[in-house]
Amino acid sequence: VQRRAAARPDVAHRSARHPPGGAQVGGSTLDITLNGLIQFALLGLGAGGVYAMLAQGIVLVYRGSGTVNFAHGAMAMVGGYLFVELRYAEDRSEQWAFLPAFLVAVIAVAVMGALVHLLIMKPLGKSSPLVRVIATLALLTILTGAAKLKWGGSVILLTPDQAVLPTDTWHWGDIAVQSDRIWLTSIAVFVTVVLWIV
């Protein structure tokens, strides 16, 4: 084996750069372990919970109207921005408490959904599915454009003390995960079970 390696130095050079048990990524060796895989999976729980709840809303709208509402996420975005504006206004004297700000944001999005159904979806009830999909895409464009004019195009980041859900870190051995990801996943599971029962 040593003679073959000496006869082919390029093989020996590649072996030195790619040691067994690791994966080559960007010129460095990445050691993939079971704990690492679990850690990355847990990091995606929060986003997965949010996507699951958004998907459930899209499915509910489709089952009720027969149309895939591409503006569903934009409507949720408007509710989120409205909540942040009410709850964390720059002037502390104008800041709302959590519950009133949350209820106003939810009610505003519900009213928006009702208006979209009455003014757009219902009149287009006998139109082709393509026409209704285009209408939701137009609504998506309008909402995102209006949100950019109202709140700007930058992402609003909340500090840990402004977070709605707990953000303390939970540890299981070498695995660490923020508790808000567990909360989001639990809420998504709860909503799924309720919708399944109903």
C-alpha atoms as a PDB file:
ATOM      1  CA  VAL A   1       0.000   0.000   0.000  1.00  0.00           C
ATOM      2  CA  GLN A   2       2.864   2.345   0.849  1.00  0.00           C
ATOM      3  CA  ARG A   3       4.562   1.586  -2.487  1.00  0.00           C
ATOM      4  CA  ARG A   4       1.331   2.346  -4.373  1.00  0.00           C
ATOM      5  CA  ALA A   5       0.876   5.614  -2.489  1.00  0.00           C
ATOM      6  CA  ALA A   6       4.461   6.588  -3.196  1.00  0.00           C
ATOM      7  CA  ALA A   7       4.009   5.709  -6.864  1.00  0.00           C
ATOM      8  CA  ARG A   8       0.899   7.909  -7.032  1.00  0.00           C
ATOM      9  CA  PRO A   9       1.538  11.037  -4.921  1.00  0.00           C
ATOM     10  CA  ASP A  10      -1.715  12.606  -6.102  1.00  0.00           C
ATOM     11  CA  VAL A  11      -3.669   9.830  -4.331  1.00  0.00           C
ATOM     12  CA  ALA A  12      -1.708  10.345  -1.131  1.00  0.00           C
ATOM     13  CA  HIS A  13      -2.288  14.093  -1.346  1.00  0.00           C
ATOM     14  CA  ARG A  14      -6.050  13.653  -1.765  1.00  0.00           C
ATOM     15  CA  SER A  15      -6.130  11.192   1.129  1.00  0.00           C
ATOM     16  CA  ALA A  16      -4.430  13.736   3.378  1.00  0.00           C
ATOM     17  CA  ARG A  17      -6.975  16.379   2.446  1.00  0.00           C
ATOM     18  CA  HIS A  18      -9.995  14.048   2.856  1.00  0.00           C
ATOM     19  CA  PRO A  19      -9.447  12.053   6.046  1.00  0.00           C
ATOM     20  CA  PRO A  20     -11.908   9.219   6.726  1.00  0.00           C
ATOM     21  CA  GLY A  21     -14.956  10.005   8.839  1.00  0.00           C
ATOM     22  CA  GLY A  22     -15.446  13.584   7.617  1.00  0.00           C
ATOM     23  CA  ALA A  23     -17.037  15.401   4.703  1.00  0.00           C
ATOM     24  CA  GLN A  24     -15.230  17.997   2.611  1.00  0.00           C
ATOM     25  CA  VAL A  25     -17.108  21.327   2.569  1.00  0.00           C
ATOM     26  CA  GLY A  26     -15.501  24.509   1.293  1.00  0.00           C
ATOM     27  CA  GLY A  27     -11.964  23.245   1.749  1.00  0.00           C
ATOM     28  CA  SER A  28     -12.468  22.171   5.371  1.00  0.00           C
ATOM     29  CA  THR A  29     -13.498  18.917   6.985  1.00  0.00           C
ATOM     30  CA  LEU A  30     -16.974  18.800   8.531  1.00  0.00           C
ATOM     31  CA  ASP A  31     -17.449  16.151  11.194  1.00  0.00           C
ATOM     32  CA  ILE A  32     -21.100  15.028  10.966  1.00  0.00           C
ATOM     33  CA  THR A  33     -22.265  13.271  14.125  1.00  0.00           C
ATOM     34  CA  LEU A  34     -25.648  12.151  15.391  1.00  0.00           C
ATOM     35  CA  ASN A  35     -25.752  15.017  17.889  1.00  0.00           C
ATOM     36  CA  GLY A  36     -24.987  17.444  15.077  1.00  0.00           C
ATOM     37  CA  LEU A  37     -27.843  16.116  12.955  1.00  0.00           C
ATOM     38  CA  ILE A  38     -30.263  16.352  15.891  1.00  0.00           C
ATOM     39  CA  GLN A  39     -29.068  19.893  16.626  1.00  0.00           C
ATOM     40  CA  PHE A  40     -29.716  21.055  13.054  1.00  0.00           C
ATOM     41  CA  ALA A  41     -33.116  19.333  13.045  1.00  0.00           C
ATOM     42  CA  LEU A  42     -34.132  21.121  16.252  1.00  0.00           C
ATOM     43  CA  LEU A  43     -32.989  24.469  14.850  1.00  0.00           C
ATOM     44  CA  GLY A  44     -35.578  24.080  12.083  1.00  0.00           C
ATOM     45  CA  LEU A  45     -38.485  23.390  14.434  1.00  0.00           C
ATOM     46  CA  GLY A  46     -39.524  27.046  14.742  1.00  0.00           C
ATOM     47  CA  ALA A  47     -39.619  27.722  11.020  1.00  0.00           C
ATOM     48  CA  GLY A  48     -41.281  24.347  10.440  1.00  0.00           C
ATOM     49  CA  GLY A  49     -44.041  25.191  12.921  1.00  0.00           C
ATOM     50  CA  VAL A  50     -44.714  28.551  11.242  1.00  0.00           C
ATOM     51  CA  TYR A  51     -44.757  26.977   7.767  1.00  0.00           C
ATOM     52  CA  ALA A  52     -47.117  24.249   8.996  1.00  0.00           C
ATOM     53  CA  MET A  53     -49.629  26.768  10.326  1.00  0.00           C
ATOM     54  CA  LEU A  54     -49.441  28.864   7.150  1.00  0.00           C
ATOM     55  CA  ALA A  55     -49.980  25.723   5.077  1.00  0.00           C
ATOM     56  CA  GLN A  56     -53.035  24.821   7.149  1.00  0.00           C
ATOM     57  CA  GLY A  57     -54.505  28.258   6.436  1.00  0.00           C
ATOM     58  CA  ILE A  58     -53.913  27.808   2.713  1.00  0.00           C
ATOM     59  CA  VAL A  59     -55.601  24.400   2.813  1.00  0.00           C
ATOM     60  CA  LEU A  60     -58.609  25.790   4.709  1.00  0.00           C
ATOM     61  CA  VAL A  61     -59.046  28.590   2.166  1.00  0.00           C
ATOM     62  CA  TYR A  62     -58.735  26.125  -0.708  1.00  0.00           C
ATOM     63  CA  ARG A  63     -61.315  23.767   0.775  1.00  0.00           C
ATOM     64  CA  GLY A  64     -63.708  26.673   1.320  1.00  0.00           C
ATOM     65  CA  SER A  65     -63.253  28.522  -1.976  1.00  0.00           C
ATOM     66  CA  GLY A  66     -61.520  26.083  -4.312  1.00  0.00           C
ATOM     67  CA  THR A  67     -58.723  28.621  -4.841  1.00  0.00           C
ATOM     68  CA  VAL A  68     -55.101  28.559  -3.746  1.00  0.00           C
ATOM     69  CA  ASN A  69     -54.661  31.939  -2.056  1.00  0.00           C
ATOM     70  CA  PHE A  70     -51.111  33.043  -2.837  1.00  0.00           C
ATOM     71  CA  ALA A  71     -51.696  36.187  -0.757  1.00  0.00           C
ATOM     72  CA  HIS A  72     -52.163  34.152   2.430  1.00  0.00           C
ATOM     73  CA  GLY A  73     -48.611  34.738   3.647  1.00  0.00           C
ATOM     74  CA  ALA A  74     -48.817  38.455   2.827  1.00  0.00           C
ATOM     75  CA  MET A  75     -51.961  38.771   4.937  1.00  0.00           C
ATOM     76  CA  ALA A  76     -50.168  37.090   7.835  1.00  0.00           C
ATOM     77  CA  MET A  77     -47.275  39.505   7.289  1.00  0.00           C
ATOM     78  CA  VAL A  78     -49.612  42.499   7.627  1.00  0.00           C
ATOM     79  CA  GLY A  79     -50.909  41.105  10.917  1.00  0.00           C
ATOM     80  CA  GLY A  80     -47.375  40.633  12.210  1.00  0.00           C
ATOM     81  CA  TYR A  81     -46.272  44.136  11.260  1.00  0.00           C
ATOM     82  CA  LEU A  82     -49.423  45.624  12.790  1.00  0.00           C
ATOM     83  CA  PHE A  83     -48.839  43.780  16.058  1.00  0.00           C
ATOM     84  CA  VAL A  84     -45.225  44.980  16.241  1.00  0.00           C
ATOM     85  CA  GLU A  85     -46.248  48.564  15.471  1.00  0.00           C
ATOM     86  CA  LEU A  86     -48.856  48.575  18.243  1.00  0.00           C
ATOM     87  CA  ARG A  87     -46.864  46.605  20.809  1.00  0.00           C
ATOM     88  CA  TYR A  88     -43.430  48.143  20.310  1.00  0.00           C
ATOM     89  CA  ALA A  89     -44.077  51.728  19.202  1.00  0.00           C
ATOM     90  CA  GLU A  90     -41.056  54.023  19.380  1.00  0.00           C
ATOM     91  CA  ASP A  91     -42.903  56.264  21.823  1.00  0.00           C
ATOM     92  CA  ARG A  92     -43.348  54.128  24.943  1.00  0.00           C
ATOM     93  CA  SER A  93     -46.439  56.109  25.922  1.00  0.00           C
ATOM     94  CA  GLU A  94     -48.143  54.815  22.758  1.00  0.00           C
ATOM     95  CA  GLN A  95     -47.238  51.153  23.265  1.00  0.00           C
ATOM     96  CA  TRP A  96     -50.163  48.789  23.664  1.00  0.00           C
ATOM     97  CA  ALA A  97     -50.287  45.854  26.037  1.00  0.00           C
ATOM     98  CA  PHE A  98     -49.719  42.422  24.517  1.00  0.00           C
ATOM     99  CA  LEU A  99     -53.317  41.155  24.554  1.00  0.00           C
ATOM    100  CA  PRO A 100     -54.993  44.232  22.986  1.00  0.00           C
ATOM    101  CA  ALA A 101     -52.281  44.486  20.304  1.00  0.00           C
ATOM    102  CA  PHE A 102     -52.601  40.760  19.542  1.00  0.00           C
ATOM    103  CA  LEU A 103     -56.400  40.879  19.348  1.00  0.00           C
ATOM    104  CA  VAL A 104     -56.424  43.967  17.105  1.00  0.00           C
ATOM    105  CA  ALA A 105     -53.898  42.351  14.725  1.00  0.00           C
ATOM    106  CA  VAL A 106     -55.905  39.115  14.546  1.00  0.00           C
ATOM    107  CA  ILE A 107     -59.219  40.946  14.062  1.00  0.00           C
ATOM    108  CA  ALA A 108     -57.690  43.190  11.381  1.00  0.00           C
ATOM    109  CA  VAL A 109     -56.455  40.180   9.400  1.00  0.00           C
ATOM    110  CA  ALA A 110     -59.827  38.436   9.844  1.00  0.00           C
ATOM    111  CA  VAL A 111     -61.659  41.504   8.521  1.00  0.00           C
ATOM    112  CA  MET A 112     -59.191  41.691   5.624  1.00  0.00           C
ATOM    113  CA  GLY A 113     -59.871  38.048   4.795  1.00  0.00           C
ATOM    114  CA  ALA A 114     -63.632  38.619   4.899  1.00  0.00           C
ATOM    115  CA  LEU A 115     -63.330  41.624   2.583  1.00  0.00           C
ATOM    116  CA  VAL A 116     -61.152  39.673   0.161  1.00  0.00           C
ATOM    117  CA  HIS A 117     -63.763  36.927   0.067  1.00  0.00           C
ATOM    118  CA  LEU A 118     -66.737  39.276  -0.390  1.00  0.00           C
ATOM    119  CA  LEU A 119     -65.152  41.734  -2.816  1.00  0.00           C
ATOM    120  CA  ILE A 120     -62.808  39.497  -4.829  1.00  0.00           C
ATOM    121  CA  MET A 121     -63.301  35.766  -4.399  1.00  0.00           C
ATOM    122  CA  LYS A 122     -67.092  35.665  -4.317  1.00  0.00           C
ATOM    123  CA  PRO A 123     -67.605  37.756  -7.492  1.00  0.00           C
ATOM    124  CA  LEU A 124     -65.038  35.542  -9.214  1.00  0.00           C
ATOM    125  CA  GLY A 125     -66.725  32.360  -8.003  1.00  0.00           C
ATOM    126  CA  LYS A 126     -67.805  31.310 -11.500  1.00  0.00           C
ATOM    127  CA  SER A 127     -64.550  32.369 -13.160  1.00  0.00           C
ATOM    128  CA  SER A 128     -61.845  29.916 -14.155  1.00  0.00           C
ATOM    129  CA  PRO A 129     -59.347  28.796 -11.502  1.00  0.00           C
ATOM    130  CA  LEU A 130     -56.600  30.641 -13.388  1.00  0.00           C
ATOM    131  CA  VAL A 131     -58.441  33.967 -13.053  1.00  0.00           C
ATOM    132  CA  ARG A 132     -58.870  33.465  -9.302  1.00  0.00           C
ATOM    133  CA  VAL A 133     -55.214  32.545  -8.866  1.00  0.00           C
ATOM    134  CA  ILE A 134     -54.170  35.674 -10.764  1.00  0.00           C
ATOM    135  CA  ALA A 135     -56.431  37.718  -8.467  1.00  0.00           C
ATOM    136  CA  THR A 136     -54.636  36.333  -5.397  1.00  0.00           C
ATOM    137  CA  LEU A 137     -51.267  37.106  -6.996  1.00  0.00           C
ATOM    138  CA  ALA A 138     -52.431  40.685  -7.603  1.00  0.00           C
ATOM    139  CA  LEU A 139     -53.494  40.913  -3.961  1.00  0.00           C
ATOM    140  CA  LEU A 140     -50.076  39.567  -2.918  1.00  0.00           C
ATOM    141  CA  THR A 141     -48.358  42.306  -4.933  1.00  0.00           C
ATOM    142  CA  ILE A 142     -50.610  45.018  -3.485  1.00  0.00           C
ATOM    143  CA  LEU A 143     -50.125  43.921   0.134  1.00  0.00           C
ATOM    144  CA  THR A 144     -46.351  43.563  -0.103  1.00  0.00           C
ATOM    145  CA  GLY A 145     -46.061  46.934  -1.847  1.00  0.00           C
ATOM    146  CA  ALA A 146     -48.287  48.636   0.743  1.00  0.00           C
ATOM    147  CA  ALA A 147     -46.319  47.048   3.601  1.00  0.00           C
ATOM    148  CA  LYS A 148     -43.053  48.285   2.096  1.00  0.00           C
ATOM    149  CA  LEU A 149     -44.444  51.824   1.830  1.00  0.00           C
ATOM    150  CA  LYS A 150     -45.793  51.726   5.387  1.00  0.00           C
ATOM    151  CA  TRP A 151     -43.058  49.894   7.283  1.00  0.00           C
ATOM    152  CA  GLY A 152     -40.085  49.996   4.915  1.00  0.00           C
ATOM    153  CA  GLY A 153     -38.225  47.145   3.251  1.00  0.00           C
ATOM    154  CA  SER A 154     -35.930  46.212   6.135  1.00  0.00           C
ATOM    155  CA  VAL A 155     -36.529  43.289   8.460  1.00  0.00           C
ATOM    156  CA  ILE A 156     -37.761  44.197  11.952  1.00  0.00           C
ATOM    157  CA  LEU A 157     -35.782  42.320  14.576  1.00  0.00           C
ATOM    158  CA  LEU A 158     -37.038  42.055  18.141  1.00  0.00           C
ATOM    159  CA  THR A 159     -34.679  41.929  21.078  1.00  0.00           C
ATOM    160  CA  PRO A 160     -34.923  38.952  23.477  1.00  0.00           C
ATOM    161  CA  ASP A 161     -36.841  41.045  26.027  1.00  0.00           C
ATOM    162  CA  GLN A 162     -39.413  41.895  23.315  1.00  0.00           C
ATOM    163  CA  ALA A 163     -39.988  38.285  22.273  1.00  0.00           C
ATOM    164  CA  VAL A 164     -43.553  36.999  22.529  1.00  0.00           C
ATOM    165  CA  LEU A 165     -42.525  33.439  23.421  1.00  0.00           C
ATOM    166  CA  PRO A 166     -39.888  32.396  25.981  1.00  0.00           C
ATOM    167  CA  THR A 167     -36.365  32.378  24.536  1.00  0.00           C
ATOM    168  CA  ASP A 168     -34.417  30.565  27.242  1.00  0.00           C
ATOM    169  CA  THR A 169     -32.164  27.745  26.042  1.00  0.00           C
ATOM    170  CA  TRP A 170     -32.872  24.124  26.899  1.00  0.00           C
ATOM    171  CA  HIS A 171     -30.046  21.607  27.064  1.00  0.00           C
ATOM    172  CA  TRP A 172     -30.115  17.842  26.605  1.00  0.00           C
ATOM    173  CA  GLY A 173     -26.546  16.711  26.966  1.00  0.00           C
ATOM    174  CA  ASP A 174     -24.572  18.313  24.137  1.00  0.00           C
ATOM    175  CA  ILE A 175     -27.761  19.408  22.332  1.00  0.00           C
ATOM    176  CA  ALA A 176     -29.074  22.946  22.880  1.00  0.00           C
ATOM    177  CA  VAL A 177     -32.294  24.465  21.533  1.00  0.00           C
ATOM    178  CA  GLN A 178     -34.193  27.654  22.264  1.00  0.00           C
ATOM    179  CA  SER A 179     -37.542  27.079  23.926  1.00  0.00           C
ATOM    180  CA  ASP A 180     -39.447  29.296  21.474  1.00  0.00           C
ATOM    181  CA  ARG A 181     -38.882  26.683  18.748  1.00  0.00           C
ATOM    182  CA  ILE A 182     -40.463  24.034  20.960  1.00  0.00           C
ATOM    183  CA  TRP A 183     -43.392  26.357  21.691  1.00  0.00           C
ATOM    184  CA  LEU A 184     -43.979  27.065  17.993  1.00  0.00           C
ATOM    185  CA  THR A 185     -43.903  23.370  17.172  1.00  0.00           C
ATOM    186  CA  SER A 186     -46.295  22.593  20.042  1.00  0.00           C
ATOM    187  CA  ILE A 187     -48.730  25.294  18.858  1.00  0.00           C
ATOM    188  CA  ALA A 188     -48.585  23.908  15.313  1.00  0.00           C
ATOM    189  CA  VAL A 189     -49.279  20.387  16.570  1.00  0.00           C
ATOM    190  CA  PHE A 190     -52.181  21.646  18.721  1.00  0.00           C
ATOM    191  CA  VAL A 191     -53.753  23.538  15.802  1.00  0.00           C
ATOM    192  CA  THR A 192     -53.329  20.466  13.580  1.00  0.00           C
ATOM    193  CA  VAL A 193     -55.075  18.226  16.113  1.00  0.00           C
ATOM    194  CA  VAL A 194     -57.945  20.708  16.564  1.00  0.00           C
ATOM    195  CA  LEU A 195     -58.461  21.035  12.801  1.00  0.00           C
ATOM    196  CA  TRP A 196     -58.316  17.261  12.409  1.00  0.00           C
ATOM    197  CA  ILE A 197     -61.007  16.799  15.073  1.00  0.00           C
ATOM    198  CA  VAL A 198     -63.214  19.562  13.694  1.00  0.00           C
END
